[in-house]
Amino acid sequence: SLVFIVDGELDLVSGSSDRPVRAERGD
């Protein structure tokens, strides 16, 4: 999948990591 963030904010957590990565408009 390829995902465009048109608007809004998301915190992503992948695998065992407990530190979210911020994804926001334009990402």
mmCIF file of all heavy atoms, coordinates in Angstrom:
data_MODEL
# 
_entry.id   MODEL 
# 
loop_
_atom_site.group_PDB 
_atom_site.id 
_atom_site.type_symbol 
_atom_site.label_atom_id 
_atom_site.label_alt_id 
_atom_site.label_comp_id 
_atom_site.label_asym_id 
_atom_site.label_entity_id 
_atom_site.label_seq_id 
_atom_site.pdbx_PDB_ins_code 
_atom_site.Cartn_x 
_atom_site.Cartn_y 
_atom_site.Cartn_z 
_atom_site.occupancy 
_atom_site.B_iso_or_equiv 
_atom_site.pdbx_formal_charge 
_atom_site.auth_seq_id 
_atom_site.auth_comp_id 
_atom_site.auth_asym_id 
_atom_site.auth_atom_id 
_atom_site.pdbx_PDB_model_num 
ATOM 1   N N   . SER A 1 1  ? 0.832  -1.207 0.000  1.00 0.00 ? 1  SER A N   1 
ATOM 2   C CA  . SER A 1 1  ? 0.000  0.000  0.000  1.00 0.00 ? 1  SER A CA  1 
ATOM 3   C C   . SER A 1 1  ? 0.863  1.252  0.000  1.00 0.00 ? 1  SER A C   1 
ATOM 4   O O   . SER A 1 1  ? 1.964  1.255  0.557  1.00 0.00 ? 1  SER A O   1 
ATOM 5   C CB  . SER A 1 1  ? -0.913 0.029  1.236  1.00 0.00 ? 1  SER A CB  1 
ATOM 6   O OG  . SER A 1 1  ? -1.850 -1.015 1.202  1.00 0.00 ? 1  SER A OG  1 
ATOM 7   N N   . LEU A 1 2  ? 0.343  2.281  -0.629 1.00 0.00 ? 2  LEU A N   1 
ATOM 8   C CA  . LEU A 1 2  ? 0.934  3.612  -0.590 1.00 0.00 ? 2  LEU A CA  1 
ATOM 9   C C   . LEU A 1 2  ? -0.155 4.531  -0.054 1.00 0.00 ? 2  LEU A C   1 
ATOM 10  O O   . LEU A 1 2  ? -1.260 4.553  -0.601 1.00 0.00 ? 2  LEU A O   1 
ATOM 11  C CB  . LEU A 1 2  ? 1.355  4.027  -1.998 1.00 0.00 ? 2  LEU A CB  1 
ATOM 12  C CG  . LEU A 1 2  ? 2.399  5.129  -2.150 1.00 0.00 ? 2  LEU A CG  1 
ATOM 13  C CD1 . LEU A 1 2  ? 3.756  4.629  -1.686 1.00 0.00 ? 2  LEU A CD1 1 
ATOM 14  C CD2 . LEU A 1 2  ? 2.479  5.559  -3.616 1.00 0.00 ? 2  LEU A CD2 1 
ATOM 15  N N   . VAL A 1 3  ? 0.124  5.275  1.036  1.00 0.00 ? 3  VAL A N   1 
ATOM 16  C CA  . VAL A 1 3  ? -0.903 6.077  1.694  1.00 0.00 ? 3  VAL A CA  1 
ATOM 17  C C   . VAL A 1 3  ? -0.473 7.539  1.752  1.00 0.00 ? 3  VAL A C   1 
ATOM 18  O O   . VAL A 1 3  ? 0.596  7.860  2.281  1.00 0.00 ? 3  VAL A O   1 
ATOM 19  C CB  . VAL A 1 3  ? -1.182 5.558  3.119  1.00 0.00 ? 3  VAL A CB  1 
ATOM 20  C CG1 . VAL A 1 3  ? -2.237 6.426  3.795  1.00 0.00 ? 3  VAL A CG1 1 
ATOM 21  C CG2 . VAL A 1 3  ? -1.637 4.106  3.083  1.00 0.00 ? 3  VAL A CG2 1 
ATOM 22  N N   . PHE A 1 4  ? -1.306 8.431  1.214  1.00 0.00 ? 4  PHE A N   1 
ATOM 23  C CA  . PHE A 1 4  ? -1.105 9.875  1.270  1.00 0.00 ? 4  PHE A CA  1 
ATOM 24  C C   . PHE A 1 4  ? -1.933 10.425 2.425  1.00 0.00 ? 4  PHE A C   1 
ATOM 25  O O   . PHE A 1 4  ? -3.140 10.150 2.504  1.00 0.00 ? 4  PHE A O   1 
ATOM 26  C CB  . PHE A 1 4  ? -1.569 10.545 -0.020 1.00 0.00 ? 4  PHE A CB  1 
ATOM 27  C CG  . PHE A 1 4  ? -0.850 10.128 -1.260 1.00 0.00 ? 4  PHE A CG  1 
ATOM 28  C CD1 . PHE A 1 4  ? -1.166 8.930  -1.896 1.00 0.00 ? 4  PHE A CD1 1 
ATOM 29  C CD2 . PHE A 1 4  ? 0.126  10.943 -1.830 1.00 0.00 ? 4  PHE A CD2 1 
ATOM 30  C CE1 . PHE A 1 4  ? -0.517 8.547  -3.063 1.00 0.00 ? 4  PHE A CE1 1 
ATOM 31  C CE2 . PHE A 1 4  ? 0.773  10.575 -2.993 1.00 0.00 ? 4  PHE A CE2 1 
ATOM 32  C CZ  . PHE A 1 4  ? 0.457  9.373  -3.607 1.00 0.00 ? 4  PHE A CZ  1 
ATOM 33  N N   . ILE A 1 5  ? -1.328 11.219 3.286  1.00 0.00 ? 5  ILE A N   1 
ATOM 34  C CA  . ILE A 1 5  ? -2.076 11.861 4.364  1.00 0.00 ? 5  ILE A CA  1 
ATOM 35  C C   . ILE A 1 5  ? -2.463 13.255 3.872  1.00 0.00 ? 5  ILE A C   1 
ATOM 36  O O   . ILE A 1 5  ? -1.637 14.172 3.817  1.00 0.00 ? 5  ILE A O   1 
ATOM 37  C CB  . ILE A 1 5  ? -1.253 11.921 5.656  1.00 0.00 ? 5  ILE A CB  1 
ATOM 38  C CG1 . ILE A 1 5  ? -0.870 10.499 6.059  1.00 0.00 ? 5  ILE A CG1 1 
ATOM 39  C CG2 . ILE A 1 5  ? -2.031 12.612 6.772  1.00 0.00 ? 5  ILE A CG2 1 
ATOM 40  C CD1 . ILE A 1 5  ? 0.053  10.418 7.246  1.00 0.00 ? 5  ILE A CD1 1 
ATOM 41  N N   . VAL A 1 6  ? -3.722 13.387 3.480  1.00 0.00 ? 6  VAL A N   1 
ATOM 42  C CA  . VAL A 1 6  ? -4.221 14.636 2.921  1.00 0.00 ? 6  VAL A CA  1 
ATOM 43  C C   . VAL A 1 6  ? -4.446 15.659 4.022  1.00 0.00 ? 6  VAL A C   1 
ATOM 44  O O   . VAL A 1 6  ? -4.189 16.851 3.854  1.00 0.00 ? 6  VAL A O   1 
ATOM 45  C CB  . VAL A 1 6  ? -5.513 14.389 2.126  1.00 0.00 ? 6  VAL A CB  1 
ATOM 46  C CG1 . VAL A 1 6  ? -6.045 15.694 1.537  1.00 0.00 ? 6  VAL A CG1 1 
ATOM 47  C CG2 . VAL A 1 6  ? -5.274 13.367 1.019  1.00 0.00 ? 6  VAL A CG2 1 
ATOM 48  N N   . ASP A 1 7  ? -4.922 15.185 5.180  1.00 0.00 ? 7  ASP A N   1 
ATOM 49  C CA  . ASP A 1 7  ? -5.173 16.073 6.309  1.00 0.00 ? 7  ASP A CA  1 
ATOM 50  C C   . ASP A 1 7  ? -5.199 15.249 7.582  1.00 0.00 ? 7  ASP A C   1 
ATOM 51  O O   . ASP A 1 7  ? -5.445 14.039 7.559  1.00 0.00 ? 7  ASP A O   1 
ATOM 52  C CB  . ASP A 1 7  ? -6.495 16.814 6.138  1.00 0.00 ? 7  ASP A CB  1 
ATOM 53  C CG  . ASP A 1 7  ? -6.535 18.122 6.918  1.00 0.00 ? 7  ASP A CG  1 
ATOM 54  O OD1 . ASP A 1 7  ? -5.515 18.462 7.564  1.00 0.00 ? 7  ASP A OD1 1 
ATOM 55  O OD2 . ASP A 1 7  ? -7.578 18.795 6.887  1.00 0.00 ? 7  ASP A OD2 1 
ATOM 56  N N   . GLY A 1 8  ? -4.934 15.903 8.721  1.00 0.00 ? 8  GLY A N   1 
ATOM 57  C CA  . GLY A 1 8  ? -5.001 15.224 10.001 1.00 0.00 ? 8  GLY A CA  1 
ATOM 58  C C   . GLY A 1 8  ? -3.635 14.843 10.546 1.00 0.00 ? 8  GLY A C   1 
ATOM 59  O O   . GLY A 1 8  ? -2.596 15.155 9.957  1.00 0.00 ? 8  GLY A O   1 
ATOM 60  N N   . GLU A 1 9  ? -3.645 14.129 11.676 1.00 0.00 ? 9  GLU A N   1 
ATOM 61  C CA  . GLU A 1 9  ? -2.419 13.675 12.324 1.00 0.00 ? 9  GLU A CA  1 
ATOM 62  C C   . GLU A 1 9  ? -2.609 12.260 12.833 1.00 0.00 ? 9  GLU A C   1 
ATOM 63  O O   . GLU A 1 9  ? -3.677 11.900 13.356 1.00 0.00 ? 9  GLU A O   1 
ATOM 64  C CB  . GLU A 1 9  ? -2.057 14.589 13.501 1.00 0.00 ? 9  GLU A CB  1 
ATOM 65  C CG  . GLU A 1 9  ? -1.669 15.994 13.107 1.00 0.00 ? 9  GLU A CG  1 
ATOM 66  C CD  . GLU A 1 9  ? -1.313 16.848 14.312 1.00 0.00 ? 9  GLU A CD  1 
ATOM 67  O OE1 . GLU A 1 9  ? -1.553 16.386 15.457 1.00 0.00 ? 9  GLU A OE1 1 
ATOM 68  O OE2 . GLU A 1 9  ? -0.807 17.962 14.119 1.00 0.00 ? 9  GLU A OE2 1 
ATOM 69  N N   . LEU A 1 10 ? -1.551 11.446 12.670 1.00 0.00 ? 10 LEU A N   1 
ATOM 70  C CA  . LEU A 1 10 ? -1.564 10.077 13.147 1.00 0.00 ? 10 LEU A CA  1 
ATOM 71  C C   . LEU A 1 10 ? -0.243 9.778  13.836 1.00 0.00 ? 10 LEU A C   1 
ATOM 72  O O   . LEU A 1 10 ? 0.812  10.269 13.412 1.00 0.00 ? 10 LEU A O   1 
ATOM 73  C CB  . LEU A 1 10 ? -1.761 9.077  11.993 1.00 0.00 ? 10 LEU A CB  1 
ATOM 74  C CG  . LEU A 1 10 ? -2.969 9.248  11.072 1.00 0.00 ? 10 LEU A CG  1 
ATOM 75  C CD1 . LEU A 1 10 ? -2.583 10.099 9.870  1.00 0.00 ? 10 LEU A CD1 1 
ATOM 76  C CD2 . LEU A 1 10 ? -3.462 7.898  10.592 1.00 0.00 ? 10 LEU A CD2 1 
ATOM 77  N N   . ASP A 1 11 ? -0.296 8.945  14.877 1.00 0.00 ? 11 ASP A N   1 
ATOM 78  C CA  . ASP A 1 11 ? 0.910  8.427  15.509 1.00 0.00 ? 11 ASP A CA  1 
ATOM 79  C C   . ASP A 1 11 ? 1.017  6.950  15.172 1.00 0.00 ? 11 ASP A C   1 
ATOM 80  O O   . ASP A 1 11 ? 0.091  6.165  15.448 1.00 0.00 ? 11 ASP A O   1 
ATOM 81  C CB  . ASP A 1 11 ? 0.851  8.609  17.039 1.00 0.00 ? 11 ASP A CB  1 
ATOM 82  C CG  . ASP A 1 11 ? 1.033  10.067 17.449 1.00 0.00 ? 11 ASP A CG  1 
ATOM 83  O OD1 . ASP A 1 11 ? 1.642  10.819 16.659 1.00 0.00 ? 11 ASP A OD1 1 
ATOM 84  O OD2 . ASP A 1 11 ? 0.574  10.444 18.531 1.00 0.00 ? 11 ASP A OD2 1 
ATOM 85  N N   . LEU A 1 12 ? 2.130  6.569  14.563 1.00 0.00 ? 12 LEU A N   1 
ATOM 86  C CA  . LEU A 1 12 ? 2.322  5.201  14.084 1.00 0.00 ? 12 LEU A CA  1 
ATOM 87  C C   . LEU A 1 12 ? 3.274  4.457  15.000 1.00 0.00 ? 12 LEU A C   1 
ATOM 88  O O   . LEU A 1 12 ? 4.322  4.979  15.379 1.00 0.00 ? 12 LEU A O   1 
ATOM 89  C CB  . LEU A 1 12 ? 2.879  5.217  12.661 1.00 0.00 ? 12 LEU A CB  1 
ATOM 90  C CG  . LEU A 1 12 ? 2.129  6.086  11.643 1.00 0.00 ? 12 LEU A CG  1 
ATOM 91  C CD1 . LEU A 1 12 ? 2.871  6.117  10.319 1.00 0.00 ? 12 LEU A CD1 1 
ATOM 92  C CD2 . LEU A 1 12 ? 0.725  5.577  11.446 1.00 0.00 ? 12 LEU A CD2 1 
ATOM 93  N N   . VAL A 1 13 ? 2.930  3.210  15.319 1.00 0.00 ? 13 VAL A N   1 
ATOM 94  C CA  . VAL A 1 13 ? 3.802  2.348  16.116 1.00 0.00 ? 13 VAL A CA  1 
ATOM 95  C C   . VAL A 1 13 ? 3.950  1.040  15.379 1.00 0.00 ? 13 VAL A C   1 
ATOM 96  O O   . VAL A 1 13 ? 2.964  0.320  15.160 1.00 0.00 ? 13 VAL A O   1 
ATOM 97  C CB  . VAL A 1 13 ? 3.240  2.088  17.525 1.00 0.00 ? 13 VAL A CB  1 
ATOM 98  C CG1 . VAL A 1 13 ? 4.189  1.189  18.313 1.00 0.00 ? 13 VAL A CG1 1 
ATOM 99  C CG2 . VAL A 1 13 ? 3.016  3.398  18.263 1.00 0.00 ? 13 VAL A CG2 1 
ATOM 100 N N   . SER A 1 14 ? 5.189  0.729  14.964 1.00 0.00 ? 14 SER A N   1 
ATOM 101 C CA  . SER A 1 14 ? 5.447  -0.471 14.194 1.00 0.00 ? 14 SER A CA  1 
ATOM 102 C C   . SER A 1 14 ? 6.280  -1.452 15.002 1.00 0.00 ? 14 SER A C   1 
ATOM 103 O O   . SER A 1 14 ? 7.237  -1.079 15.684 1.00 0.00 ? 14 SER A O   1 
ATOM 104 C CB  . SER A 1 14 ? 6.191  -0.124 12.895 1.00 0.00 ? 14 SER A CB  1 
ATOM 105 O OG  . SER A 1 14 ? 6.486  -1.279 12.153 1.00 0.00 ? 14 SER A OG  1 
ATOM 106 N N   . GLY A 1 15 ? 5.926  -2.731 14.961 1.00 0.00 ? 15 GLY A N   1 
ATOM 107 C CA  . GLY A 1 15 ? 6.702  -3.764 15.634 1.00 0.00 ? 15 GLY A CA  1 
ATOM 108 C C   . GLY A 1 15 ? 6.686  -3.600 17.137 1.00 0.00 ? 15 GLY A C   1 
ATOM 109 O O   . GLY A 1 15 ? 5.686  -3.213 17.738 1.00 0.00 ? 15 GLY A O   1 
ATOM 110 N N   . SER A 1 16 ? 7.828  -3.887 17.745 1.00 0.00 ? 16 SER A N   1 
ATOM 111 C CA  . SER A 1 16 ? 7.912  -3.842 19.207 1.00 0.00 ? 16 SER A CA  1 
ATOM 112 C C   . SER A 1 16 ? 8.254  -2.453 19.733 1.00 0.00 ? 16 SER A C   1 
ATOM 113 O O   . SER A 1 16 ? 8.341  -2.244 20.938 1.00 0.00 ? 16 SER A O   1 
ATOM 114 C CB  . SER A 1 16 ? 8.978  -4.841 19.686 1.00 0.00 ? 16 SER A CB  1 
ATOM 115 O OG  . SER A 1 16 ? 10.237 -4.521 19.129 1.00 0.00 ? 16 SER A OG  1 
ATOM 116 N N   . SER A 1 17 ? 8.440  -1.498 18.821 1.00 0.00 ? 17 SER A N   1 
ATOM 117 C CA  . SER A 1 17 ? 8.798  -0.152 19.252 1.00 0.00 ? 17 SER A CA  1 
ATOM 118 C C   . SER A 1 17 ? 7.657  0.487  20.042 1.00 0.00 ? 17 SER A C   1 
ATOM 119 O O   . SER A 1 17 ? 6.486  0.347  19.706 1.00 0.00 ? 17 SER A O   1 
ATOM 120 C CB  . SER A 1 17 ? 9.118  0.722  18.036 1.00 0.00 ? 17 SER A CB  1 
ATOM 121 O OG  . SER A 1 17 ? 9.275  2.069  18.422 1.00 0.00 ? 17 SER A OG  1 
ATOM 122 N N   . ASP A 1 18 ? 8.009  1.165  21.144 1.00 0.00 ? 18 ASP A N   1 
ATOM 123 C CA  . ASP A 1 18 ? 6.983  1.846  21.930 1.00 0.00 ? 18 ASP A CA  1 
ATOM 124 C C   . ASP A 1 18 ? 7.031  3.351  21.705 1.00 0.00 ? 18 ASP A C   1 
ATOM 125 O O   . ASP A 1 18 ? 6.403  4.107  22.423 1.00 0.00 ? 18 ASP A O   1 
ATOM 126 C CB  . ASP A 1 18 ? 7.158  1.529  23.423 1.00 0.00 ? 18 ASP A CB  1 
ATOM 127 C CG  . ASP A 1 18 ? 8.527  1.913  23.947 1.00 0.00 ? 18 ASP A CG  1 
ATOM 128 O OD1 . ASP A 1 18 ? 9.342  2.412  23.138 1.00 0.00 ? 18 ASP A OD1 1 
ATOM 129 O OD2 . ASP A 1 18 ? 8.784  1.718  25.142 1.00 0.00 ? 18 ASP A OD2 1 
ATOM 130 N N   . ARG A 1 19 ? 7.805  3.778  20.726 1.00 0.00 ? 19 ARG A N   1 
ATOM 131 C CA  . ARG A 1 19 ? 7.912  5.209  20.417 1.00 0.00 ? 19 ARG A CA  1 
ATOM 132 C C   . ARG A 1 19 ? 7.172  5.488  19.122 1.00 0.00 ? 19 ARG A C   1 
ATOM 133 O O   . ARG A 1 19 ? 7.605  5.081  18.038 1.00 0.00 ? 19 ARG A O   1 
ATOM 134 C CB  . ARG A 1 19 ? 9.383  5.624  20.289 1.00 0.00 ? 19 ARG A CB  1 
ATOM 135 C CG  . ARG A 1 19 ? 10.177 5.452  21.566 1.00 0.00 ? 19 ARG A CG  1 
ATOM 136 C CD  . ARG A 1 19 ? 11.577 6.017  21.400 1.00 0.00 ? 19 ARG A CD  1 
ATOM 137 N NE  . ARG A 1 19 ? 11.549 7.433  21.065 1.00 0.00 ? 19 ARG A NE  1 
ATOM 138 C CZ  . ARG A 1 19 ? 12.638 8.141  20.775 1.00 0.00 ? 19 ARG A CZ  1 
ATOM 139 N NH1 . ARG A 1 19 ? 13.828 7.555  20.752 1.00 0.00 ? 19 ARG A NH1 1 
ATOM 140 N NH2 . ARG A 1 19 ? 12.532 9.436  20.492 1.00 0.00 ? 19 ARG A NH2 1 
ATOM 141 N N   . PRO A 1 20 ? 6.039  6.170  19.194 1.00 0.00 ? 20 PRO A N   1 
ATOM 142 C CA  . PRO A 1 20 ? 5.274  6.445  17.980 1.00 0.00 ? 20 PRO A CA  1 
ATOM 143 C C   . PRO A 1 20 ? 5.983  7.453  17.076 1.00 0.00 ? 20 PRO A C   1 
ATOM 144 O O   . PRO A 1 20 ? 6.762  8.288  17.534 1.00 0.00 ? 20 PRO A O   1 
ATOM 145 C CB  . PRO A 1 20 ? 3.956  7.002  18.512 1.00 0.00 ? 20 PRO A CB  1 
ATOM 146 C CG  . PRO A 1 20 ? 4.304  7.590  19.843 1.00 0.00 ? 20 PRO A CG  1 
ATOM 147 C CD  . PRO A 1 20 ? 5.388  6.721  20.401 1.00 0.00 ? 20 PRO A CD  1 
ATOM 148 N N   . VAL A 1 21 ? 5.692  7.339  15.788 1.00 0.00 ? 21 VAL A N   1 
ATOM 149 C CA  . VAL A 1 21 ? 6.217  8.271  14.796 1.00 0.00 ? 21 VAL A CA  1 
ATOM 150 C C   . VAL A 1 21 ? 5.048  9.101  14.286 1.00 0.00 ? 21 VAL A C   1 
ATOM 151 O O   . VAL A 1 21 ? 4.012  8.562  13.888 1.00 0.00 ? 21 VAL A O   1 
ATOM 152 C CB  . VAL A 1 21 ? 6.889  7.508  13.634 1.00 0.00 ? 21 VAL A CB  1 
ATOM 153 C CG1 . VAL A 1 21 ? 7.348  8.496  12.566 1.00 0.00 ? 21 VAL A CG1 1 
ATOM 154 C CG2 . VAL A 1 21 ? 8.055  6.674  14.143 1.00 0.00 ? 21 VAL A CG2 1 
ATOM 155 N N   . ARG A 1 22 ? 5.190  10.407 14.324 1.00 0.00 ? 22 ARG A N   1 
ATOM 156 C CA  . ARG A 1 22 ? 4.110  11.298 13.902 1.00 0.00 ? 22 ARG A CA  1 
ATOM 157 C C   . ARG A 1 22 ? 4.028  11.352 12.370 1.00 0.00 ? 22 ARG A C   1 
ATOM 158 O O   . ARG A 1 22 ? 5.027  11.524 11.670 1.00 0.00 ? 22 ARG A O   1 
ATOM 159 C CB  . ARG A 1 22 ? 4.350  12.705 14.463 1.00 0.00 ? 22 ARG A CB  1 
ATOM 160 C CG  . ARG A 1 22 ? 3.379  13.779 14.004 1.00 0.00 ? 22 ARG A CG  1 
ATOM 161 C CD  . ARG A 1 22 ? 1.918  13.461 14.321 1.00 0.00 ? 22 ARG A CD  1 
ATOM 162 N NE  . ARG A 1 22 ? 1.688  13.171 15.727 1.00 0.00 ? 22 ARG A NE  1 
ATOM 163 C CZ  . ARG A 1 22 ? 1.368  14.086 16.632 1.00 0.00 ? 22 ARG A CZ  1 
ATOM 164 N NH1 . ARG A 1 22 ? 1.259  15.359 16.273 1.00 0.00 ? 22 ARG A NH1 1 
ATOM 165 N NH2 . ARG A 1 22 ? 1.144  13.748 17.881 1.00 0.00 ? 22 ARG A NH2 1 
ATOM 166 N N   . ALA A 1 23 ? 2.835  11.174 11.867 1.00 0.00 ? 23 ALA A N   1 
ATOM 167 C CA  . ALA A 1 23 ? 2.557  11.326 10.447 1.00 0.00 ? 23 ALA A CA  1 
ATOM 168 C C   . ALA A 1 23 ? 1.479  12.382 10.313 1.00 0.00 ? 23 ALA A C   1 
ATOM 169 O O   . ALA A 1 23 ? 0.457  12.332 11.003 1.00 0.00 ? 23 ALA A O   1 
ATOM 170 C CB  . ALA A 1 23 ? 2.083  10.002 9.861  1.00 0.00 ? 23 ALA A CB  1 
ATOM 171 N N   . GLU A 1 24 ? 1.694  13.344 9.428  1.00 0.00 ? 24 GLU A N   1 
ATOM 172 C CA  . GLU A 1 24 ? 0.751  14.453 9.335  1.00 0.00 ? 24 GLU A CA  1 
ATOM 173 C C   . GLU A 1 24 ? 0.560  14.880 7.886  1.00 0.00 ? 24 GLU A C   1 
ATOM 174 O O   . GLU A 1 24 ? 1.112  14.260 6.962  1.00 0.00 ? 24 GLU A O   1 
ATOM 175 C CB  . GLU A 1 24 ? 1.241  15.623 10.183 1.00 0.00 ? 24 GLU A CB  1 
ATOM 176 C CG  . GLU A 1 24 ? 2.659  16.058 9.894  1.00 0.00 ? 24 GLU A CG  1 
ATOM 177 C CD  . GLU A 1 24 ? 3.205  16.996 10.959 1.00 0.00 ? 24 GLU A CD  1 
ATOM 178 O OE1 . GLU A 1 24 ? 2.521  17.242 11.962 1.00 0.00 ? 24 GLU A OE1 1 
ATOM 179 O OE2 . GLU A 1 24 ? 4.329  17.490 10.771 1.00 0.00 ? 24 GLU A OE2 1 
ATOM 180 N N   . ARG A 1 25 ? -0.225 15.932 7.730  1.00 0.00 ? 25 ARG A N   1 
ATOM 181 C CA  . ARG A 1 25 ? -0.594 16.408 6.394  1.00 0.00 ? 25 ARG A CA  1 
ATOM 182 C C   . ARG A 1 25 ? 0.621  16.554 5.491  1.00 0.00 ? 25 ARG A C   1 
ATOM 183 O O   . ARG A 1 25 ? 1.628  17.160 5.870  1.00 0.00 ? 25 ARG A O   1 
ATOM 184 C CB  . ARG A 1 25 ? -1.306 17.751 6.525  1.00 0.00 ? 25 ARG A CB  1 
ATOM 185 C CG  . ARG A 1 25 ? -1.760 18.351 5.211  1.00 0.00 ? 25 ARG A CG  1 
ATOM 186 C CD  . ARG A 1 25 ? -2.527 19.620 5.447  1.00 0.00 ? 25 ARG A CD  1 
ATOM 187 N NE  . ARG A 1 25 ? -3.024 20.186 4.201  1.00 0.00 ? 25 ARG A NE  1 
ATOM 188 C CZ  . ARG A 1 25 ? -3.818 21.240 4.127  1.00 0.00 ? 25 ARG A CZ  1 
ATOM 189 N NH1 . ARG A 1 25 ? -4.217 21.849 5.234  1.00 0.00 ? 25 ARG A NH1 1 
ATOM 190 N NH2 . ARG A 1 25 ? -4.227 21.692 2.950  1.00 0.00 ? 25 ARG A NH2 1 
ATOM 191 N N   . GLY A 1 26 ? 0.520  15.991 4.288  1.00 0.00 ? 26 GLY A N   1 
ATOM 192 C CA  . GLY A 1 26 ? 1.594  16.083 3.313  1.00 0.00 ? 26 GLY A CA  1 
ATOM 193 C C   . GLY A 1 26 ? 2.532  14.896 3.328  1.00 0.00 ? 26 GLY A C   1 
ATOM 194 O O   . GLY A 1 26 ? 3.321  14.720 2.393  1.00 0.00 ? 26 GLY A O   1 
ATOM 195 N N   . ASP A 1 27 ? 2.451  14.041 4.360  1.00 0.00 ? 27 ASP A N   1 
ATOM 196 C CA  . ASP A 1 27 ? 3.325  12.883 4.438  1.00 0.00 ? 27 ASP A CA  1 
ATOM 197 C C   . ASP A 1 27 ? 2.795  11.753 3.563  1.00 0.00 ? 27 ASP A C   1 
ATOM 198 O O   . ASP A 1 27 ? 1.607  11.692 3.227  1.00 0.00 ? 27 ASP A O   1 
ATOM 199 C CB  . ASP A 1 27 ? 3.454  12.383 5.881  1.00 0.00 ? 27 ASP A CB  1 
ATOM 200 C CG  . ASP A 1 27 ? 4.301  13.310 6.744  1.00 0.00 ? 27 ASP A CG  1 
ATOM 201 O OD1 . ASP A 1 27 ? 4.977  14.180 6.174  1.00 0.00 ? 27 ASP A OD1 1 
ATOM 202 O OD2 . ASP A 1 27 ? 4.265  13.162 7.979  1.00 0.00 ? 27 ASP A OD2 1 
# 
